[in-house]
């Protein structure tokens, strides 16, 4: 692998924190529950997903969102597609250590693929592709159209590059009409950028202590 790996530290010896952005990879309370609330419920994945359905993601991180999605769609007819954009992939050992926190998820297939350097693999009904590099460079050339977006970059205050107007416009350009997005952040600048890009943006109840999150549908 020639990927530029993420530099991390560990909070409470369990939660990985990106040193570049000083931000944890998942909720300090319950990362899996947050994923289920924000991304799966926020995009109505269980109700909408079926053969040909395309999920796209900004920020692959530990693979938690992928694993939660695969668990939710287990046994469904496929293929479905999951494309994630990641600039700083985790070392396989760090990914394995982080995912110990989620014993209800079947992590072995992902960890095996990641340890082999695979960036395209199958997980249940999902055909997975993780596209390496800065999404500002890689998303414009992606030929896909998403039915649902997981916008899961680090905090807009700490990683504003992954939330800027130009990139949110690219998200909209790579979304099917009627496609959706969900994100944990309710930052005004992010909501405005997505609205300006063409999404009908709504503020929803956030996970746990977070008052709000954001969802939207492309008109």
C-alpha atoms as a PDB file:
ATOM      1  CA  UNK A   1       0.000   0.000   0.000  1.00  0.00           C
ATOM      2  CA  UNK A   2       1.223   3.486  -0.874  1.00  0.00           C
ATOM      3  CA  UNK A   3      -1.624   5.283   0.882  1.00  0.00           C
ATOM      4  CA  UNK A   4      -0.804   8.127   3.258  1.00  0.00           C
ATOM      5  CA  UNK A   5      -1.921   6.537   6.507  1.00  0.00           C
ATOM      6  CA  UNK A   6      -3.761   8.384   9.263  1.00  0.00           C
ATOM      7  CA  UNK A   7      -1.871   9.461  12.363  1.00  0.00           C
ATOM      8  CA  UNK A   8      -3.906   8.703  15.452  1.00  0.00           C
ATOM      9  CA  UNK A   9      -3.840   8.702  19.226  1.00  0.00           C
ATOM     10  CA  UNK A  10      -6.176   6.773  21.518  1.00  0.00           C
ATOM     11  CA  UNK A  11      -8.705   8.163  23.977  1.00  0.00           C
ATOM     12  CA  UNK A  12      -9.396   5.877  26.928  1.00  0.00           C
ATOM     13  CA  UNK A  13      -7.298   3.291  25.085  1.00  0.00           C
ATOM     14  CA  UNK A  14     -10.307   2.550  22.871  1.00  0.00           C
ATOM     15  CA  UNK A  15     -11.404   5.460  20.686  1.00  0.00           C
ATOM     16  CA  UNK A  16      -9.097   6.560  17.843  1.00  0.00           C
ATOM     17  CA  UNK A  17      -8.535  10.306  17.519  1.00  0.00           C
ATOM     18  CA  UNK A  18      -7.101  11.842  14.350  1.00  0.00           C
ATOM     19  CA  UNK A  19      -4.108  13.902  15.421  1.00  0.00           C
ATOM     20  CA  UNK A  20      -4.280  16.069  12.286  1.00  0.00           C
ATOM     21  CA  UNK A  21      -7.821  17.185  13.126  1.00  0.00           C
ATOM     22  CA  UNK A  22      -7.941  16.527  16.903  1.00  0.00           C
ATOM     23  CA  UNK A  23     -11.273  14.771  16.401  1.00  0.00           C
ATOM     24  CA  UNK A  24     -12.459  11.250  17.310  1.00  0.00           C
ATOM     25  CA  UNK A  25     -13.458   8.801  14.590  1.00  0.00           C
ATOM     26  CA  UNK A  26     -16.755   7.943  16.240  1.00  0.00           C
ATOM     27  CA  UNK A  27     -19.026   9.046  19.058  1.00  0.00           C
ATOM     28  CA  UNK A  28     -17.563   8.935  22.538  1.00  0.00           C
ATOM     29  CA  UNK A  29     -20.929   7.612  23.727  1.00  0.00           C
ATOM     30  CA  UNK A  30     -21.967   4.898  21.272  1.00  0.00           C
ATOM     31  CA  UNK A  31     -20.509   5.068  17.792  1.00  0.00           C
ATOM     32  CA  UNK A  32     -22.666   2.304  16.345  1.00  0.00           C
ATOM     33  CA  UNK A  33     -25.898   3.806  17.674  1.00  0.00           C
ATOM     34  CA  UNK A  34     -24.892   7.172  16.232  1.00  0.00           C
ATOM     35  CA  UNK A  35     -24.235   5.628  12.823  1.00  0.00           C
ATOM     36  CA  UNK A  36     -27.614   3.906  12.904  1.00  0.00           C
ATOM     37  CA  UNK A  37     -29.394   7.106  13.933  1.00  0.00           C
ATOM     38  CA  UNK A  38     -27.631   9.560  11.644  1.00  0.00           C
ATOM     39  CA  UNK A  39     -26.746   7.714   8.459  1.00  0.00           C
ATOM     40  CA  UNK A  40     -29.039   4.702   8.234  1.00  0.00           C
ATOM     41  CA  UNK A  41     -32.207   6.240   9.656  1.00  0.00           C
ATOM     42  CA  UNK A  42     -31.332   9.687   8.269  1.00  0.00           C
ATOM     43  CA  UNK A  43     -31.238   8.265   4.740  1.00  0.00           C
ATOM     44  CA  UNK A  44     -34.005   5.669   5.351  1.00  0.00           C
ATOM     45  CA  UNK A  45     -31.611   2.982   4.131  1.00  0.00           C
ATOM     46  CA  UNK A  46     -33.654   0.010   5.365  1.00  0.00           C
ATOM     47  CA  UNK A  47     -36.766   1.265   3.583  1.00  0.00           C
ATOM     48  CA  UNK A  48     -35.092   2.273   0.308  1.00  0.00           C
ATOM     49  CA  UNK A  49     -32.174  -0.043  -0.412  1.00  0.00           C
ATOM     50  CA  UNK A  50     -32.466  -2.704  -3.087  1.00  0.00           C
ATOM     51  CA  UNK A  51     -30.629  -4.009  -6.147  1.00  0.00           C
ATOM     52  CA  UNK A  52     -28.604  -1.264  -7.794  1.00  0.00           C
ATOM     53  CA  UNK A  53     -28.860   1.109  -4.829  1.00  0.00           C
ATOM     54  CA  UNK A  54     -25.760   3.311  -4.496  1.00  0.00           C
ATOM     55  CA  UNK A  55     -24.462   4.645  -1.192  1.00  0.00           C
ATOM     56  CA  UNK A  56     -21.570   7.113  -1.233  1.00  0.00           C
ATOM     57  CA  UNK A  57     -19.587   8.420   1.717  1.00  0.00           C
ATOM     58  CA  UNK A  58     -17.134  11.157   2.538  1.00  0.00           C
ATOM     59  CA  UNK A  59     -14.787   9.745   5.177  1.00  0.00           C
ATOM     60  CA  UNK A  60     -14.356   5.956   5.422  1.00  0.00           C
ATOM     61  CA  UNK A  61     -12.529   6.095   8.749  1.00  0.00           C
ATOM     62  CA  UNK A  62     -12.781   2.858  10.719  1.00  0.00           C
ATOM     63  CA  UNK A  63     -15.320   1.358   8.306  1.00  0.00           C
ATOM     64  CA  UNK A  64     -17.990   1.554  11.023  1.00  0.00           C
ATOM     65  CA  UNK A  65     -20.639   3.044   8.718  1.00  0.00           C
ATOM     66  CA  UNK A  66     -19.988   0.337   6.133  1.00  0.00           C
ATOM     67  CA  UNK A  67     -20.231  -2.445   8.712  1.00  0.00           C
ATOM     68  CA  UNK A  68     -23.443  -1.063  10.185  1.00  0.00           C
ATOM     69  CA  UNK A  69     -24.921  -0.779   6.695  1.00  0.00           C
ATOM     70  CA  UNK A  70     -23.917  -4.332   5.790  1.00  0.00           C
ATOM     71  CA  UNK A  71     -25.494  -5.579   9.015  1.00  0.00           C
ATOM     72  CA  UNK A  72     -28.737  -3.698   8.315  1.00  0.00           C
ATOM     73  CA  UNK A  73     -28.930  -5.028   4.747  1.00  0.00           C
ATOM     74  CA  UNK A  74     -27.839  -8.613   5.444  1.00  0.00           C
ATOM     75  CA  UNK A  75     -29.924 -11.062   3.454  1.00  0.00           C
ATOM     76  CA  UNK A  76     -31.190  -8.430   1.007  1.00  0.00           C
ATOM     77  CA  UNK A  77     -31.012  -9.083  -2.707  1.00  0.00           C
ATOM     78  CA  UNK A  78     -28.127  -7.258  -4.353  1.00  0.00           C
ATOM     79  CA  UNK A  79     -25.930  -6.123  -5.693  1.00  0.00           C
ATOM     80  CA  UNK A  80     -25.854  -2.752  -3.980  1.00  0.00           C
ATOM     81  CA  UNK A  81     -22.914  -0.384  -4.125  1.00  0.00           C
ATOM     82  CA  UNK A  82     -20.968   1.444  -1.418  1.00  0.00           C
ATOM     83  CA  UNK A  83     -18.349   3.963  -2.520  1.00  0.00           C
ATOM     84  CA  UNK A  84     -16.304   5.836   0.058  1.00  0.00           C
ATOM     85  CA  UNK A  85     -13.784   8.644  -0.344  1.00  0.00           C
ATOM     86  CA  UNK A  86     -10.885   8.636   2.127  1.00  0.00           C
ATOM     87  CA  UNK A  87      -7.733  10.771   2.220  1.00  0.00           C
ATOM     88  CA  UNK A  88      -5.982   9.201   5.219  1.00  0.00           C
ATOM     89  CA  UNK A  89      -6.788   5.495   5.645  1.00  0.00           C
ATOM     90  CA  UNK A  90      -6.221   3.776   8.944  1.00  0.00           C
ATOM     91  CA  UNK A  91      -3.469   1.226   9.332  1.00  0.00           C
ATOM     92  CA  UNK A  92      -5.071  -2.254   9.440  1.00  0.00           C
ATOM     93  CA  UNK A  93      -3.913  -2.762  13.034  1.00  0.00           C
ATOM     94  CA  UNK A  94      -5.498   0.515  14.109  1.00  0.00           C
ATOM     95  CA  UNK A  95      -8.744  -0.353  12.343  1.00  0.00           C
ATOM     96  CA  UNK A  96      -8.844  -3.729  14.080  1.00  0.00           C
ATOM     97  CA  UNK A  97      -8.177  -2.134  17.460  1.00  0.00           C
ATOM     98  CA  UNK A  98     -10.908   0.472  16.959  1.00  0.00           C
ATOM     99  CA  UNK A  99     -13.541  -2.036  15.858  1.00  0.00           C
ATOM    100  CA  UNK A 100     -13.093  -4.139  19.003  1.00  0.00           C
ATOM    101  CA  UNK A 101     -15.541  -1.619  20.509  1.00  0.00           C
ATOM    102  CA  UNK A 102     -18.353  -3.082  18.379  1.00  0.00           C
ATOM    103  CA  UNK A 103     -18.664  -6.798  19.161  1.00  0.00           C
ATOM    104  CA  UNK A 104     -22.099  -7.103  17.530  1.00  0.00           C
ATOM    105  CA  UNK A 105     -20.647  -6.333  14.094  1.00  0.00           C
ATOM    106  CA  UNK A 106     -19.048  -8.917  11.826  1.00  0.00           C
ATOM    107  CA  UNK A 107     -15.727  -7.167  11.311  1.00  0.00           C
ATOM    108  CA  UNK A 108     -13.650 -10.111  10.053  1.00  0.00           C
ATOM    109  CA  UNK A 109     -14.314  -9.784   6.277  1.00  0.00           C
ATOM    110  CA  UNK A 110     -13.515  -6.059   6.270  1.00  0.00           C
ATOM    111  CA  UNK A 111     -10.393  -6.494   8.371  1.00  0.00           C
ATOM    112  CA  UNK A 112      -9.145  -9.314   6.150  1.00  0.00           C
ATOM    113  CA  UNK A 113      -9.647  -7.259   2.988  1.00  0.00           C
ATOM    114  CA  UNK A 114      -8.077  -4.143   4.532  1.00  0.00           C
ATOM    115  CA  UNK A 115      -5.040  -6.062   5.774  1.00  0.00           C
ATOM    116  CA  UNK A 116      -4.455  -7.292   2.209  1.00  0.00           C
ATOM    117  CA  UNK A 117      -4.584  -3.722   0.890  1.00  0.00           C
ATOM    118  CA  UNK A 118      -7.857  -4.323  -0.947  1.00  0.00           C
ATOM    119  CA  UNK A 119      -9.818  -1.200  -1.805  1.00  0.00           C
ATOM    120  CA  UNK A 120     -12.516  -3.045  -3.739  1.00  0.00           C
ATOM    121  CA  UNK A 121     -14.267  -6.011  -2.136  1.00  0.00           C
ATOM    122  CA  UNK A 122     -17.686  -7.486  -1.375  1.00  0.00           C
ATOM    123  CA  UNK A 123     -19.379  -7.343   2.000  1.00  0.00           C
ATOM    124  CA  UNK A 124     -22.711  -9.151   2.066  1.00  0.00           C
ATOM    125  CA  UNK A 125     -24.874  -7.589  -0.662  1.00  0.00           C
ATOM    126  CA  UNK A 126     -22.558  -4.572  -0.932  1.00  0.00           C
ATOM    127  CA  UNK A 127     -19.943  -4.091  -3.628  1.00  0.00           C
ATOM    128  CA  UNK A 128     -17.482  -1.797  -1.880  1.00  0.00           C
ATOM    129  CA  UNK A 129     -14.982   0.630  -3.367  1.00  0.00           C
ATOM    130  CA  UNK A 130     -12.826   2.927  -1.230  1.00  0.00           C
ATOM    131  CA  UNK A 131     -11.324   5.702  -3.357  1.00  0.00           C
ATOM    132  CA  UNK A 132      -8.101   7.075  -1.906  1.00  0.00           C
ATOM    133  CA  UNK A 133      -7.064  10.699  -2.001  1.00  0.00           C
ATOM    134  CA  UNK A 134      -8.459  14.147  -1.281  1.00  0.00           C
ATOM    135  CA  UNK A 135     -12.164  14.090  -2.187  1.00  0.00           C
ATOM    136  CA  UNK A 136     -11.807  17.553  -3.678  1.00  0.00           C
ATOM    137  CA  UNK A 137      -9.657  15.883  -6.344  1.00  0.00           C
ATOM    138  CA  UNK A 138     -11.247  12.438  -6.598  1.00  0.00           C
ATOM    139  CA  UNK A 139     -14.999  13.090  -6.391  1.00  0.00           C
ATOM    140  CA  UNK A 140     -15.235  15.283  -9.527  1.00  0.00           C
ATOM    141  CA  UNK A 141     -13.971  12.410 -11.680  1.00  0.00           C
ATOM    142  CA  UNK A 142     -16.203   9.749 -10.101  1.00  0.00           C
ATOM    143  CA  UNK A 143     -18.709   8.486 -12.656  1.00  0.00           C
ATOM    144  CA  UNK A 144     -21.301   7.268 -10.153  1.00  0.00           C
ATOM    145  CA  UNK A 145     -24.545   8.790  -8.912  1.00  0.00           C
ATOM    146  CA  UNK A 146     -25.525   8.183  -5.300  1.00  0.00           C
ATOM    147  CA  UNK A 147     -28.977   7.401  -3.979  1.00  0.00           C
ATOM    148  CA  UNK A 148     -27.769   8.216  -0.457  1.00  0.00           C
ATOM    149  CA  UNK A 149     -24.768  10.091   0.912  1.00  0.00           C
ATOM    150  CA  UNK A 150     -23.103   9.651   4.292  1.00  0.00           C
ATOM    151  CA  UNK A 151     -21.317  12.957   4.935  1.00  0.00           C
ATOM    152  CA  UNK A 152     -18.990  11.897   7.735  1.00  0.00           C
ATOM    153  CA  UNK A 153     -15.859  13.984   7.563  1.00  0.00           C
ATOM    154  CA  UNK A 154     -14.276  15.312  10.715  1.00  0.00           C
ATOM    155  CA  UNK A 155     -15.846  18.346  12.360  1.00  0.00           C
ATOM    156  CA  UNK A 156     -16.377  21.279   9.952  1.00  0.00           C
ATOM    157  CA  UNK A 157     -14.560  23.499  12.443  1.00  0.00           C
ATOM    158  CA  UNK A 158     -11.491  21.251  12.296  1.00  0.00           C
ATOM    159  CA  UNK A 159     -11.655  19.880   8.731  1.00  0.00           C
ATOM    160  CA  UNK A 160     -13.388  22.641   6.728  1.00  0.00           C
ATOM    161  CA  UNK A 161     -11.907  21.406   3.443  1.00  0.00           C
ATOM    162  CA  UNK A 162     -14.301  18.456   3.428  1.00  0.00           C
ATOM    163  CA  UNK A 163     -17.354  20.719   3.793  1.00  0.00           C
ATOM    164  CA  UNK A 164     -16.649  23.617   1.485  1.00  0.00           C
ATOM    165  CA  UNK A 165     -19.134  24.951  -1.071  1.00  0.00           C
ATOM    166  CA  UNK A 166     -17.340  23.465  -4.059  1.00  0.00           C
ATOM    167  CA  UNK A 167     -17.239  19.960  -2.594  1.00  0.00           C
ATOM    168  CA  UNK A 168     -20.888  20.090  -1.499  1.00  0.00           C
ATOM    169  CA  UNK A 169     -21.740  21.113  -5.056  1.00  0.00           C
ATOM    170  CA  UNK A 170     -19.874  18.024  -6.279  1.00  0.00           C
ATOM    171  CA  UNK A 171     -21.891  15.901  -3.846  1.00  0.00           C
ATOM    172  CA  UNK A 172     -25.074  17.241  -5.428  1.00  0.00           C
ATOM    173  CA  UNK A 173     -23.747  16.666  -8.962  1.00  0.00           C
ATOM    174  CA  UNK A 174     -23.106  13.046  -8.022  1.00  0.00           C
ATOM    175  CA  UNK A 175     -26.570  12.440  -6.575  1.00  0.00           C
ATOM    176  CA  UNK A 176     -29.563  10.998  -8.408  1.00  0.00           C
ATOM    177  CA  UNK A 177     -32.697  13.115  -8.474  1.00  0.00           C
ATOM    178  CA  UNK A 178     -34.556  12.288  -5.285  1.00  0.00           C
ATOM    179  CA  UNK A 179     -31.344  11.097  -3.653  1.00  0.00           C
ATOM    180  CA  UNK A 180     -30.592  11.987  -0.059  1.00  0.00           C
ATOM    181  CA  UNK A 181     -27.819  12.894   2.333  1.00  0.00           C
ATOM    182  CA  UNK A 182     -27.428  12.716   6.089  1.00  0.00           C
ATOM    183  CA  UNK A 183     -24.780  14.141   8.378  1.00  0.00           C
ATOM    184  CA  UNK A 184     -24.188  14.503  12.091  1.00  0.00           C
ATOM    185  CA  UNK A 185     -23.413  18.223  11.825  1.00  0.00           C
ATOM    186  CA  UNK A 186     -25.940  21.042  11.890  1.00  0.00           C
ATOM    187  CA  UNK A 187     -23.365  23.784  11.198  1.00  0.00           C
ATOM    188  CA  UNK A 188     -24.996  26.672   9.416  1.00  0.00           C
ATOM    189  CA  UNK A 189     -22.284  26.938   6.767  1.00  0.00           C
ATOM    190  CA  UNK A 190     -22.713  23.264   5.852  1.00  0.00           C
ATOM    191  CA  UNK A 191     -26.486  23.540   5.639  1.00  0.00           C
ATOM    192  CA  UNK A 192     -26.206  26.626   3.444  1.00  0.00           C
ATOM    193  CA  UNK A 193     -23.662  24.976   1.144  1.00  0.00           C
ATOM    194  CA  UNK A 194     -25.888  21.933   0.658  1.00  0.00           C
ATOM    195  CA  UNK A 195     -28.958  24.101   0.122  1.00  0.00           C
ATOM    196  CA  UNK A 196     -27.114  26.201  -2.449  1.00  0.00           C
ATOM    197  CA  UNK A 197     -26.055  22.978  -4.173  1.00  0.00           C
ATOM    198  CA  UNK A 198     -29.693  22.036  -4.740  1.00  0.00           C
ATOM    199  CA  UNK A 199     -30.729  19.965  -1.732  1.00  0.00           C
ATOM    200  CA  UNK A 200     -33.920  20.544   0.223  1.00  0.00           C
ATOM    201  CA  UNK A 201     -32.233  20.664   3.642  1.00  0.00           C
ATOM    202  CA  UNK A 202     -33.855  19.779   6.966  1.00  0.00           C
ATOM    203  CA  UNK A 203     -32.620  19.945  10.531  1.00  0.00           C
ATOM    204  CA  UNK A 204     -33.392  16.812  12.555  1.00  0.00           C
ATOM    205  CA  UNK A 205     -32.944  15.655  16.128  1.00  0.00           C
ATOM    206  CA  UNK A 206     -29.332  14.728  16.689  1.00  0.00           C
ATOM    207  CA  UNK A 207     -27.911  11.684  18.398  1.00  0.00           C
ATOM    208  CA  UNK A 208     -27.683  11.603  22.198  1.00  0.00           C
ATOM    209  CA  UNK A 209     -26.442  14.970  23.507  1.00  0.00           C
ATOM    210  CA  UNK A 210     -26.315  16.575  20.047  1.00  0.00           C
ATOM    211  CA  UNK A 211     -29.360  18.770  19.602  1.00  0.00           C
ATOM    212  CA  UNK A 212     -29.483  18.620  15.821  1.00  0.00           C
ATOM    213  CA  UNK A 213     -28.253  16.834  12.703  1.00  0.00           C
ATOM    214  CA  UNK A 214     -28.969  17.511   9.037  1.00  0.00           C
ATOM    215  CA  UNK A 215     -30.654  15.597   6.231  1.00  0.00           C
ATOM    216  CA  UNK A 216     -31.701  16.535   2.750  1.00  0.00           C
ATOM    217  CA  UNK A 217     -33.139  15.388  -0.559  1.00  0.00           C
ATOM    218  CA  UNK A 218     -32.110  16.509  -4.039  1.00  0.00           C
ATOM    219  CA  UNK A 219     -35.032  18.240  -5.678  1.00  0.00           C
END
